[in-house]
Amino acid sequence: MTGIEVLHAVKKISKFSEFVFLTANENMEVAVESIKSGAFDYIIKDNDIALKKVIDKITKIAKIKQLKQNNKATKLLMIILLLILIVIIVSGMLLFAFGVIKVK
């Protein structure tokens, strides 16, 4: 199997898996196809810093995943707080409308 075929097979099973291709193949068509297929990045083994680039990409992926998780938690908290606020406002309006609270 090619790397892109592996990517397709894994993405069918686990759509949240990330791929960073490290290759000596400098074919731009392959690079573009890998990114279009869902790879996070395509790194060419051009010198000794290729491994550092891979580590940097993996670190970036971890940070992005953490930010997405934090974003989901923040959205959920905001929805809960908004619902609580709506309940408070509606309760206050009902109490006022039915005369439970007397306004002078």
PDB file of N, CA and C in Angstrom:
ATOM      1  N   MET A   1       0.846  -1.193   0.000  1.00  0.00           N
ATOM      2  CA  MET A   1       0.000   0.000   0.000  1.00  0.00           C
ATOM      3  C   MET A   1       0.885   1.249   0.000  1.00  0.00           C
ATOM      4  N   THR A   2       0.392   2.269  -0.653  1.00  0.00           N
ATOM      5  CA  THR A   2       1.089   3.555  -0.586  1.00  0.00           C
ATOM      6  C   THR A   2       0.692   4.256   0.698  1.00  0.00           C
ATOM      7  N   GLY A   3       1.405   5.301   1.023  1.00  0.00           N
ATOM      8  CA  GLY A   3       1.068   6.083   2.204  1.00  0.00           C
ATOM      9  C   GLY A   3      -0.328   6.677   2.123  1.00  0.00           C
ATOM     10  N   ILE A   4      -0.707   7.137   0.945  1.00  0.00           N
ATOM     11  CA  ILE A   4      -2.039   7.728   0.764  1.00  0.00           C
ATOM     12  C   ILE A   4      -3.117   6.666   0.923  1.00  0.00           C
ATOM     13  N   GLU A   5      -2.850   5.449   0.451  1.00  0.00           N
ATOM     14  CA  GLU A   5      -3.810   4.358   0.642  1.00  0.00           C
ATOM     15  C   GLU A   5      -3.965   4.023   2.129  1.00  0.00           C
ATOM     16  N   VAL A   6      -2.872   4.052   2.857  1.00  0.00           N
ATOM     17  CA  VAL A   6      -2.932   3.828   4.311  1.00  0.00           C
ATOM     18  C   VAL A   6      -3.749   4.939   4.960  1.00  0.00           C
ATOM     19  N   LEU A   7      -3.497   6.168   4.550  1.00  0.00           N
ATOM     20  CA  LEU A   7      -4.245   7.304   5.088  1.00  0.00           C
ATOM     21  C   LEU A   7      -5.744   7.105   4.876  1.00  0.00           C
ATOM     22  N   HIS A   8      -6.155   6.748   3.657  1.00  0.00           N
ATOM     23  CA  HIS A   8      -7.575   6.526   3.359  1.00  0.00           C
ATOM     24  C   HIS A   8      -8.157   5.417   4.230  1.00  0.00           C
ATOM     25  N   ALA A   9      -7.418   4.326   4.373  1.00  0.00           N
ATOM     26  CA  ALA A   9      -7.903   3.189   5.160  1.00  0.00           C
ATOM     27  C   ALA A   9      -8.068   3.564   6.632  1.00  0.00           C
ATOM     28  N   VAL A  10      -7.097   4.270   7.179  1.00  0.00           N
ATOM     29  CA  VAL A  10      -7.162   4.656   8.593  1.00  0.00           C
ATOM     30  C   VAL A  10      -8.258   5.698   8.813  1.00  0.00           C
ATOM     31  N   LYS A  11      -8.397   6.658   7.909  1.00  0.00           N
ATOM     32  CA  LYS A  11      -9.427   7.697   8.051  1.00  0.00           C
ATOM     33  C   LYS A  11     -10.831   7.093   8.027  1.00  0.00           C
ATOM     34  N   LYS A  12     -11.017   5.965   7.315  1.00  0.00           N
ATOM     35  CA  LYS A  12     -12.319   5.296   7.326  1.00  0.00           C
ATOM     36  C   LYS A  12     -12.630   4.740   8.710  1.00  0.00           C
ATOM     37  N   ILE A  13     -11.596   4.294   9.391  1.00  0.00           N
ATOM     38  CA  ILE A  13     -11.763   3.694  10.725  1.00  0.00           C
ATOM     39  C   ILE A  13     -11.753   4.763  11.813  1.00  0.00           C
ATOM     40  N   SER A  14     -10.887   5.737  11.677  1.00  0.00           N
ATOM     41  CA  SER A  14     -10.689   6.757  12.707  1.00  0.00           C
ATOM     42  C   SER A  14     -10.498   8.109  12.045  1.00  0.00           C
ATOM     43  N   LYS A  15     -11.607   8.815  11.833  1.00  0.00           N
ATOM     44  CA  LYS A  15     -11.521  10.081  11.095  1.00  0.00           C
ATOM     45  C   LYS A  15     -10.744  11.168  11.831  1.00  0.00           C
ATOM     46  N   PHE A  16     -10.497  10.974  13.120  1.00  0.00           N
ATOM     47  CA  PHE A  16      -9.780  11.986  13.887  1.00  0.00           C
ATOM     48  C   PHE A  16      -8.271  11.741  13.939  1.00  0.00           C
ATOM     49  N   SER A  17      -7.808  10.660  13.319  1.00  0.00           N
ATOM     50  CA  SER A  17      -6.364  10.394  13.269  1.00  0.00           C
ATOM     51  C   SER A  17      -5.704  11.421  12.361  1.00  0.00           C
ATOM     52  N   GLU A  18      -4.501  11.806  12.729  1.00  0.00           N
ATOM     53  CA  GLU A  18      -3.756  12.780  11.940  1.00  0.00           C
ATOM     54  C   GLU A  18      -2.538  12.111  11.306  1.00  0.00           C
ATOM     55  N   PHE A  19      -2.156  12.581  10.126  1.00  0.00           N
ATOM     56  CA  PHE A  19      -1.016  12.046   9.400  1.00  0.00           C
ATOM     57  C   PHE A  19      -0.030  13.155   9.079  1.00  0.00           C
ATOM     58  N   VAL A  20       1.236  12.870   9.305  1.00  0.00           N
ATOM     59  CA  VAL A  20       2.327  13.718   8.850  1.00  0.00           C
ATOM     60  C   VAL A  20       3.211  12.805   8.007  1.00  0.00           C
ATOM     61  N   PHE A  21       3.269  13.083   6.718  1.00  0.00           N
ATOM     62  CA  PHE A  21       4.090  12.279   5.820  1.00  0.00           C
ATOM     63  C   PHE A  21       5.524  12.781   5.868  1.00  0.00           C
ATOM     64  N   LEU A  22       6.443  11.841   6.057  1.00  0.00           N
ATOM     65  CA  LEU A  22       7.870  12.134   5.980  1.00  0.00           C
ATOM     66  C   LEU A  22       8.420  11.252   4.870  1.00  0.00           C
ATOM     67  N   THR A  23       8.912  11.867   3.819  1.00  0.00           N
ATOM     68  CA  THR A  23       9.297  11.116   2.635  1.00  0.00           C
ATOM     69  C   THR A  23      10.485  11.754   1.926  1.00  0.00           C
ATOM     70  N   ALA A  24      11.130  10.946   1.125  1.00  0.00           N
ATOM     71  CA  ALA A  24      12.191  11.471   0.261  1.00  0.00           C
ATOM     72  C   ALA A  24      11.624  11.842  -1.108  1.00  0.00           C
ATOM     73  N   ASN A  25      10.357  11.530  -1.332  1.00  0.00           N
ATOM     74  CA  ASN A  25       9.693  11.800  -2.607  1.00  0.00           C
ATOM     75  C   ASN A  25       9.338  13.285  -2.695  1.00  0.00           C
ATOM     76  N   GLU A  26       9.928  13.977  -3.640  1.00  0.00           N
ATOM     77  CA  GLU A  26       9.680  15.411  -3.798  1.00  0.00           C
ATOM     78  C   GLU A  26       8.602  15.705  -4.831  1.00  0.00           C
ATOM     79  N   ASN A  27       7.812  14.705  -5.182  1.00  0.00           N
ATOM     80  CA  ASN A  27       6.754  14.855  -6.174  1.00  0.00           C
ATOM     81  C   ASN A  27       5.629  15.726  -5.601  1.00  0.00           C
ATOM     82  N   MET A  28       5.424  16.895  -6.180  1.00  0.00           N
ATOM     83  CA  MET A  28       4.410  17.824  -5.685  1.00  0.00           C
ATOM     84  C   MET A  28       2.997  17.265  -5.828  1.00  0.00           C
ATOM     85  N   GLU A  29       2.770  16.455  -6.856  1.00  0.00           N
ATOM     86  CA  GLU A  29       1.445  15.861  -7.035  1.00  0.00           C
ATOM     87  C   GLU A  29       1.104  14.950  -5.858  1.00  0.00           C
ATOM     88  N   VAL A  30       2.087  14.191  -5.400  1.00  0.00           N
ATOM     89  CA  VAL A  30       1.879  13.312  -4.243  1.00  0.00           C
ATOM     90  C   VAL A  30       1.650  14.153  -2.986  1.00  0.00           C
ATOM     91  N   ALA A  31       2.414  15.200  -2.841  1.00  0.00           N
ATOM     92  CA  ALA A  31       2.248  16.083  -1.682  1.00  0.00           C
ATOM     93  C   ALA A  31       0.849  16.690  -1.660  1.00  0.00           C
ATOM     94  N   VAL A  32       0.412  17.212  -2.797  1.00  0.00           N
ATOM     95  CA  VAL A  32      -0.922  17.823  -2.886  1.00  0.00           C
ATOM     96  C   VAL A  32      -1.998  16.777  -2.628  1.00  0.00           C
ATOM     97  N   GLU A  33      -1.842  15.593  -3.198  1.00  0.00           N
ATOM     98  CA  GLU A  33      -2.826  14.521  -3.014  1.00  0.00           C
ATOM     99  C   GLU A  33      -2.907  14.098  -1.548  1.00  0.00           C
ATOM    100  N   SER A  34      -1.780  14.044  -0.871  1.00  0.00           N
ATOM    101  CA  SER A  34      -1.795  13.648   0.543  1.00  0.00           C
ATOM    102  C   SER A  34      -2.516  14.687   1.394  1.00  0.00           C
ATOM    103  N   ILE A  35      -2.289  15.951   1.122  1.00  0.00           N
ATOM    104  CA  ILE A  35      -2.968  17.014   1.874  1.00  0.00           C
ATOM    105  C   ILE A  35      -4.462  17.009   1.558  1.00  0.00           C
ATOM    106  N   LYS A  36      -4.813  16.863   0.290  1.00  0.00           N
ATOM    107  CA  LYS A  36      -6.229  16.791  -0.100  1.00  0.00           C
ATOM    108  C   LYS A  36      -6.920  15.591   0.542  1.00  0.00           C
ATOM    109  N   SER A  37      -6.164  14.532   0.760  1.00  0.00           N
ATOM    110  CA  SER A  37      -6.724  13.314   1.345  1.00  0.00           C
ATOM    111  C   SER A  37      -6.851  13.400   2.862  1.00  0.00           C
ATOM    112  N   GLY A  38      -6.344  14.471   3.440  1.00  0.00           N
ATOM    113  CA  GLY A  38      -6.522  14.665   4.873  1.00  0.00           C
ATOM    114  C   GLY A  38      -5.269  14.636   5.711  1.00  0.00           C
ATOM    115  N   ALA A  39      -4.108  14.564   5.082  1.00  0.00           N
ATOM    116  CA  ALA A  39      -2.868  14.605   5.853  1.00  0.00           C
ATOM    117  C   ALA A  39      -2.680  15.993   6.449  1.00  0.00           C
ATOM    118  N   PHE A  40      -2.122  16.045   7.641  1.00  0.00           N
ATOM    119  CA  PHE A  40      -1.868  17.333   8.287  1.00  0.00           C
ATOM    120  C   PHE A  40      -0.723  18.056   7.587  1.00  0.00           C
ATOM    121  N   ASP A  41       0.293  17.285   7.184  1.00  0.00           N
ATOM    122  CA  ASP A  41       1.426  17.907   6.493  1.00  0.00           C
ATOM    123  C   ASP A  41       2.217  16.853   5.726  1.00  0.00           C
ATOM    124  N   TYR A  42       3.072  17.332   4.871  1.00  0.00           N
ATOM    125  CA  TYR A  42       3.912  16.497   4.010  1.00  0.00           C
ATOM    126  C   TYR A  42       5.314  17.079   4.097  1.00  0.00           C
ATOM    127  N   ILE A  43       6.218  16.344   4.723  1.00  0.00           N
ATOM    128  CA  ILE A  43       7.575  16.851   4.948  1.00  0.00           C
ATOM    129  C   ILE A  43       8.556  16.030   4.119  1.00  0.00           C
ATOM    130  N   ILE A  44       9.412  16.726   3.401  1.00  0.00           N
ATOM    131  CA  ILE A  44      10.421  16.062   2.575  1.00  0.00           C
ATOM    132  C   ILE A  44      11.714  15.940   3.384  1.00  0.00           C
ATOM    133  N   LYS A  45      12.290  14.749   3.383  1.00  0.00           N
ATOM    134  CA  LYS A  45      13.559  14.502   4.081  1.00  0.00           C
ATOM    135  C   LYS A  45      14.668  15.181   3.291  1.00  0.00           C
ATOM    136  N   ASP A  46      14.864  16.435   3.567  1.00  0.00           N
ATOM    137  CA  ASP A  46      15.863  17.171   2.810  1.00  0.00           C
ATOM    138  C   ASP A  46      17.197  17.274   3.539  1.00  0.00           C
ATOM    139  N   ASN A  47      17.158  17.179   4.860  1.00  0.00           N
ATOM    140  CA  ASN A  47      18.405  17.260   5.630  1.00  0.00           C
ATOM    141  C   ASN A  47      18.137  16.791   7.063  1.00  0.00           C
ATOM    142  N   ASP A  48      19.034  17.134   7.944  1.00  0.00           N
ATOM    143  CA  ASP A  48      18.950  16.670   9.328  1.00  0.00           C
ATOM    144  C   ASP A  48      17.801  17.291  10.121  1.00  0.00           C
ATOM    145  N   ILE A  49      17.186  18.353   9.618  1.00  0.00           N
ATOM    146  CA  ILE A  49      16.127  18.999  10.395  1.00  0.00           C
ATOM    147  C   ILE A  49      14.738  18.420  10.113  1.00  0.00           C
ATOM    148  N   ALA A  50      14.656  17.412   9.265  1.00  0.00           N
ATOM    149  CA  ALA A  50      13.359  16.815   8.939  1.00  0.00           C
ATOM    150  C   ALA A  50      12.688  16.243  10.181  1.00  0.00           C
ATOM    151  N   LEU A  51      13.453  15.561  11.038  1.00  0.00           N
ATOM    152  CA  LEU A  51      12.883  14.993  12.256  1.00  0.00           C
ATOM    153  C   LEU A  51      12.362  16.097  13.171  1.00  0.00           C
ATOM    154  N   LYS A  52      13.094  17.194  13.252  1.00  0.00           N
ATOM    155  CA  LYS A  52      12.640  18.332  14.064  1.00  0.00           C
ATOM    156  C   LYS A  52      11.324  18.873  13.513  1.00  0.00           C
ATOM    157  N   LYS A  53      11.206  18.922  12.191  1.00  0.00           N
ATOM    158  CA  LYS A  53       9.964  19.390  11.570  1.00  0.00           C
ATOM    159  C   LYS A  53       8.801  18.475  11.931  1.00  0.00           C
ATOM    160  N   VAL A  54       9.053  17.172  11.924  1.00  0.00           N
ATOM    161  CA  VAL A  54       8.001  16.212  12.279  1.00  0.00           C
ATOM    162  C   VAL A  54       7.569  16.413  13.726  1.00  0.00           C
ATOM    163  N   ILE A  55       8.533  16.553  14.610  1.00  0.00           N
ATOM    164  CA  ILE A  55       8.218  16.772  16.030  1.00  0.00           C
ATOM    165  C   ILE A  55       7.434  18.068  16.203  1.00  0.00           C
ATOM    166  N   ASP A  56       7.833  19.116  15.495  1.00  0.00           N
ATOM    167  CA  ASP A  56       7.106  20.390  15.555  1.00  0.00           C
ATOM    168  C   ASP A  56       5.659  20.218  15.084  1.00  0.00           C
ATOM    169  N   LYS A  57       5.452  19.459  14.015  1.00  0.00           N
ATOM    170  CA  LYS A  57       4.090  19.238  13.495  1.00  0.00           C
ATOM    171  C   LYS A  57       3.259  18.441  14.491  1.00  0.00           C
ATOM    172  N   ILE A  58       3.853  17.425  15.105  1.00  0.00           N
ATOM    173  CA  ILE A  58       3.132  16.629  16.101  1.00  0.00           C
ATOM    174  C   ILE A  58       2.756  17.500  17.297  1.00  0.00           C
ATOM    175  N   THR A  59       3.661  18.369  17.725  1.00  0.00           N
ATOM    176  CA  THR A  59       3.368  19.306  18.816  1.00  0.00           C
ATOM    177  C   THR A  59       2.228  20.230  18.428  1.00  0.00           C
ATOM    178  N   LYS A  60       2.244  20.717  17.195  1.00  0.00           N
ATOM    179  CA  LYS A  60       1.187  21.604  16.709  1.00  0.00           C
ATOM    180  C   LYS A  60      -0.155  20.871  16.687  1.00  0.00           C
ATOM    181  N   ILE A  61      -0.167  19.618  16.227  1.00  0.00           N
ATOM    182  CA  ILE A  61      -1.394  18.825  16.200  1.00  0.00           C
ATOM    183  C   ILE A  61      -1.947  18.668  17.606  1.00  0.00           C
ATOM    184  N   ALA A  62      -1.075  18.372  18.575  1.00  0.00           N
ATOM    185  CA  ALA A  62      -1.515  18.211  19.965  1.00  0.00           C
ATOM    186  C   ALA A  62      -2.121  19.503  20.506  1.00  0.00           C
ATOM    187  N   LYS A  63      -1.504  20.637  20.190  1.00  0.00           N
ATOM    188  CA  LYS A  63      -2.028  21.926  20.644  1.00  0.00           C
ATOM    189  C   LYS A  63      -3.385  22.226  20.003  1.00  0.00           C
ATOM    190  N   ILE A  64      -3.515  21.947  18.723  1.00  0.00           N
ATOM    191  CA  ILE A  64      -4.787  22.184  18.023  1.00  0.00           C
ATOM    192  C   ILE A  64      -5.885  21.317  18.615  1.00  0.00           C
ATOM    193  N   LYS A  65      -5.580  20.045  18.870  1.00  0.00           N
ATOM    194  CA  LYS A  65      -6.578  19.149  19.463  1.00  0.00           C
ATOM    195  C   LYS A  65      -6.991  19.640  20.846  1.00  0.00           C
ATOM    196  N   GLN A  66      -6.028  20.115  21.647  1.00  0.00           N
ATOM    197  CA  GLN A  66      -6.346  20.642  22.978  1.00  0.00           C
ATOM    198  C   GLN A  66      -7.202  21.900  22.874  1.00  0.00           C
ATOM    199  N   LEU A  67      -6.879  22.783  21.925  1.00  0.00           N
ATOM    200  CA  LEU A  67      -7.678  23.995  21.738  1.00  0.00           C
ATOM    201  C   LEU A  67      -9.106  23.653  21.311  1.00  0.00           C
ATOM    202  N   LYS A  68      -9.267  22.662  20.434  1.00  0.00           N
ATOM    203  CA  LYS A  68     -10.603  22.250  20.014  1.00  0.00           C
ATOM    204  C   LYS A  68     -11.396  21.701  21.197  1.00  0.00           C
ATOM    205  N   GLN A  69     -10.725  20.912  22.039  1.00  0.00           N
ATOM    206  CA  GLN A  69     -11.393  20.366  23.215  1.00  0.00           C
ATOM    207  C   GLN A  69     -11.793  21.489  24.170  1.00  0.00           C
ATOM    208  N   ASN A  70     -10.892  22.436  24.392  1.00  0.00           N
ATOM    209  CA  ASN A  70     -11.206  23.580  25.249  1.00  0.00           C
ATOM    210  C   ASN A  70     -12.352  24.403  24.669  1.00  0.00           C
ATOM    211  N   ASN A  71     -12.364  24.544  23.341  1.00  0.00           N
ATOM    212  CA  ASN A  71     -13.407  25.303  22.674  1.00  0.00           C
ATOM    213  C   ASN A  71     -14.777  24.649  22.888  1.00  0.00           C
ATOM    214  N   LYS A  72     -14.833  23.328  22.767  1.00  0.00           N
ATOM    215  CA  LYS A  72     -16.092  22.613  22.991  1.00  0.00           C
ATOM    216  C   LYS A  72     -16.574  22.806  24.420  1.00  0.00           C
ATOM    217  N   ALA A  73     -15.653  22.703  25.378  1.00  0.00           N
ATOM    218  CA  ALA A  73     -16.017  22.867  26.787  1.00  0.00           C
ATOM    219  C   ALA A  73     -16.515  24.284  27.056  1.00  0.00           C
ATOM    220  N   THR A  74     -15.858  25.270  26.464  1.00  0.00           N
ATOM    221  CA  THR A  74     -16.268  26.667  26.644  1.00  0.00           C
ATOM    222  C   THR A  74     -17.646  26.911  26.038  1.00  0.00           C
ATOM    223  N   LYS A  75     -17.910  26.370  24.847  1.00  0.00           N
ATOM    224  CA  LYS A  75     -19.227  26.522  24.217  1.00  0.00           C
ATOM    225  C   LYS A  75     -20.313  25.899  25.079  1.00  0.00           C
ATOM    226  N   LEU A  76     -20.052  24.705  25.610  1.00  0.00           N
ATOM    227  CA  LEU A  76     -21.036  24.041  26.470  1.00  0.00           C
ATOM    228  C   LEU A  76     -21.309  24.866  27.720  1.00  0.00           C
ATOM    229  N   LEU A  77     -20.274  25.393  28.337  1.00  0.00           N
ATOM    230  CA  LEU A  77     -20.435  26.235  29.518  1.00  0.00           C
ATOM    231  C   LEU A  77     -21.238  27.488  29.189  1.00  0.00           C
ATOM    232  N   MET A  78     -20.963  28.104  28.044  1.00  0.00           N
ATOM    233  CA  MET A  78     -21.704  29.310  27.651  1.00  0.00           C
ATOM    234  C   MET A  78     -23.182  28.996  27.420  1.00  0.00           C
ATOM    235  N   ILE A  79     -23.478  27.858  26.828  1.00  0.00           N
ATOM    236  CA  ILE A  79     -24.872  27.464  26.612  1.00  0.00           C
ATOM    237  C   ILE A  79     -25.574  27.252  27.941  1.00  0.00           C
ATOM    238  N   ILE A  80     -24.913  26.575  28.872  1.00  0.00           N
ATOM    239  CA  ILE A  80     -25.496  26.342  30.197  1.00  0.00           C
ATOM    240  C   ILE A  80     -25.751  27.661  30.905  1.00  0.00           C
ATOM    241  N   LEU A  81     -24.782  28.558  30.865  1.00  0.00           N
ATOM    242  CA  LEU A  81     -24.956  29.865  31.521  1.00  0.00           C
ATOM    243  C   LEU A  81     -26.068  30.681  30.862  1.00  0.00           C
ATOM    244  N   LEU A  82     -26.170  30.604  29.544  1.00  0.00           N
ATOM    245  CA  LEU A  82     -27.237  31.304  28.836  1.00  0.00           C
ATOM    246  C   LEU A  82     -28.598  30.757  29.238  1.00  0.00           C
ATOM    247  N   LEU A  83     -28.720  29.453  29.344  1.00  0.00           N
ATOM    248  CA  LEU A  83     -29.987  28.845  29.768  1.00  0.00           C
ATOM    249  C   LEU A  83     -30.350  29.251  31.193  1.00  0.00           C
ATOM    250  N   ILE A  84     -29.364  29.288  32.070  1.00  0.00           N
ATOM    251  CA  ILE A  84     -29.617  29.736  33.450  1.00  0.00           C
ATOM    252  C   ILE A  84     -30.091  31.179  33.448  1.00  0.00           C
ATOM    253  N   LEU A  85     -29.458  32.019  32.654  1.00  0.00           N
ATOM    254  CA  LEU A  85     -29.855  33.426  32.562  1.00  0.00           C
ATOM    255  C   LEU A  85     -31.282  33.553  32.035  1.00  0.00           C
ATOM    256  N   ILE A  86     -31.623  32.763  31.033  1.00  0.00           N
ATOM    257  CA  ILE A  86     -32.985  32.797  30.481  1.00  0.00           C
ATOM    258  C   ILE A  86     -33.992  32.375  31.537  1.00  0.00           C
ATOM    259  N   VAL A  87     -33.680  31.337  32.293  1.00  0.00           N
ATOM    260  CA  VAL A  87     -34.583  30.877  33.364  1.00  0.00           C
ATOM    261  C   VAL A  87     -34.767  31.977  34.404  1.00  0.00           C
ATOM    262  N   ILE A  88     -33.705  32.653  34.770  1.00  0.00           N
ATOM    263  CA  ILE A  88     -33.794  33.740  35.750  1.00  0.00           C
ATOM    264  C   ILE A  88     -34.662  34.879  35.215  1.00  0.00           C
ATOM    265  N   ILE A  89     -34.448  35.272  33.978  1.00  0.00           N
ATOM    266  CA  ILE A  89     -35.222  36.369  33.381  1.00  0.00           C
ATOM    267  C   ILE A  89     -36.693  35.992  33.259  1.00  0.00           C
ATOM    268  N   VAL A  90     -36.975  34.802  32.744  1.00  0.00           N
ATOM    269  CA  VAL A  90     -38.370  34.372  32.591  1.00  0.00           C
ATOM    270  C   VAL A  90     -39.033  34.258  33.951  1.00  0.00           C
ATOM    271  N   SER A  91     -38.339  33.719  34.929  1.00  0.00           N
ATOM    272  CA  SER A  91     -38.903  33.605  36.284  1.00  0.00           C
ATOM    273  C   SER A  91     -39.235  34.982  36.838  1.00  0.00           C
ATOM    274  N   GLY A  92     -38.324  35.917  36.658  1.00  0.00           N
ATOM    275  CA  GLY A  92     -38.567  37.285  37.135  1.00  0.00           C
ATOM    276  C   GLY A  92     -39.750  37.930  36.441  1.00  0.00           C
ATOM    277  N   MET A  93     -39.859  37.719  35.134  1.00  0.00           N
ATOM    278  CA  MET A  93     -40.986  38.289  34.391  1.00  0.00           C
ATOM    279  C   MET A  93     -42.307  37.663  34.840  1.00  0.00           C
ATOM    280  N   LEU A  94     -42.324  36.362  35.065  1.00  0.00           N
ATOM    281  CA  LEU A  94     -43.556  35.700  35.529  1.00  0.00           C
ATOM    282  C   LEU A  94     -43.944  36.162  36.921  1.00  0.00           C
ATOM    283  N   LEU A  95     -42.965  36.274  37.796  1.00  0.00           N
ATOM    284  CA  LEU A  95     -43.264  36.761  39.156  1.00  0.00           C
ATOM    285  C   LEU A  95     -43.814  38.174  39.098  1.00  0.00           C
ATOM    286  N   PHE A  96     -43.246  39.011  38.269  1.00  0.00           N
ATOM    287  CA  PHE A  96     -43.713  40.395  38.133  1.00  0.00           C
ATOM    288  C   PHE A  96     -45.104  40.426  37.497  1.00  0.00           C
ATOM    289  N   ALA A  97     -45.303  39.622  36.451  1.00  0.00           N
ATOM    290  CA  ALA A  97     -46.573  39.623  35.713  1.00  0.00           C
ATOM    291  C   ALA A  97     -47.725  39.130  36.566  1.00  0.00           C
ATOM    292  N   PHE A  98     -47.498  38.208  37.420  1.00  0.00           N
ATOM    293  CA  PHE A  98     -48.578  37.657  38.240  1.00  0.00           C
ATOM    294  C   PHE A  98     -48.675  38.331  39.610  1.00  0.00           C
ATOM    295  N   GLY A  99     -47.994  39.416  39.772  1.00  0.00           N
ATOM    296  CA  GLY A  99     -48.154  40.262  40.949  1.00  0.00           C
ATOM    297  C   GLY A  99     -47.529  39.718  42.206  1.00  0.00           C
ATOM    298  N   VAL A 100     -46.676  38.745  42.098  1.00  0.00           N
ATOM    299  CA  VAL A 100     -46.053  38.226  43.306  1.00  0.00           C
ATOM    300  C   VAL A 100     -45.116  39.283  43.868  1.00  0.00           C
ATOM    301  N   ILE A 101     -44.474  40.023  42.978  1.00  0.00           N
ATOM    302  CA  ILE A 101     -43.603  41.110  43.384  1.00  0.00           C
ATOM    303  C   ILE A 101     -44.366  42.403  43.185  1.00  0.00           C
ATOM    304  N   LYS A 102     -44.519  43.162  44.233  1.00  0.00           N
ATOM    305  CA  LYS A 102     -45.222  44.443  44.156  1.00  0.00           C
ATOM    306  C   LYS A 102     -44.227  45.559  43.882  1.00  0.00           C
ATOM    307  N   VAL A 103     -44.486  46.301  42.796  1.00  0.00           N
ATOM    308  CA  VAL A 103     -43.630  47.426  42.457  1.00  0.00           C
ATOM    309  C   VAL A 103     -44.365  48.697  42.827  1.00  0.00           C
ATOM    310  N   LYS A 104     -43.697  49.544  43.589  1.00  0.00           N
ATOM    311  CA  LYS A 104     -44.342  50.788  44.030  1.00  0.00           C
ATOM    312  C   LYS A 104     -44.127  51.889  43.043  1.00  0.00           C
TER     313      LYS A 104
END
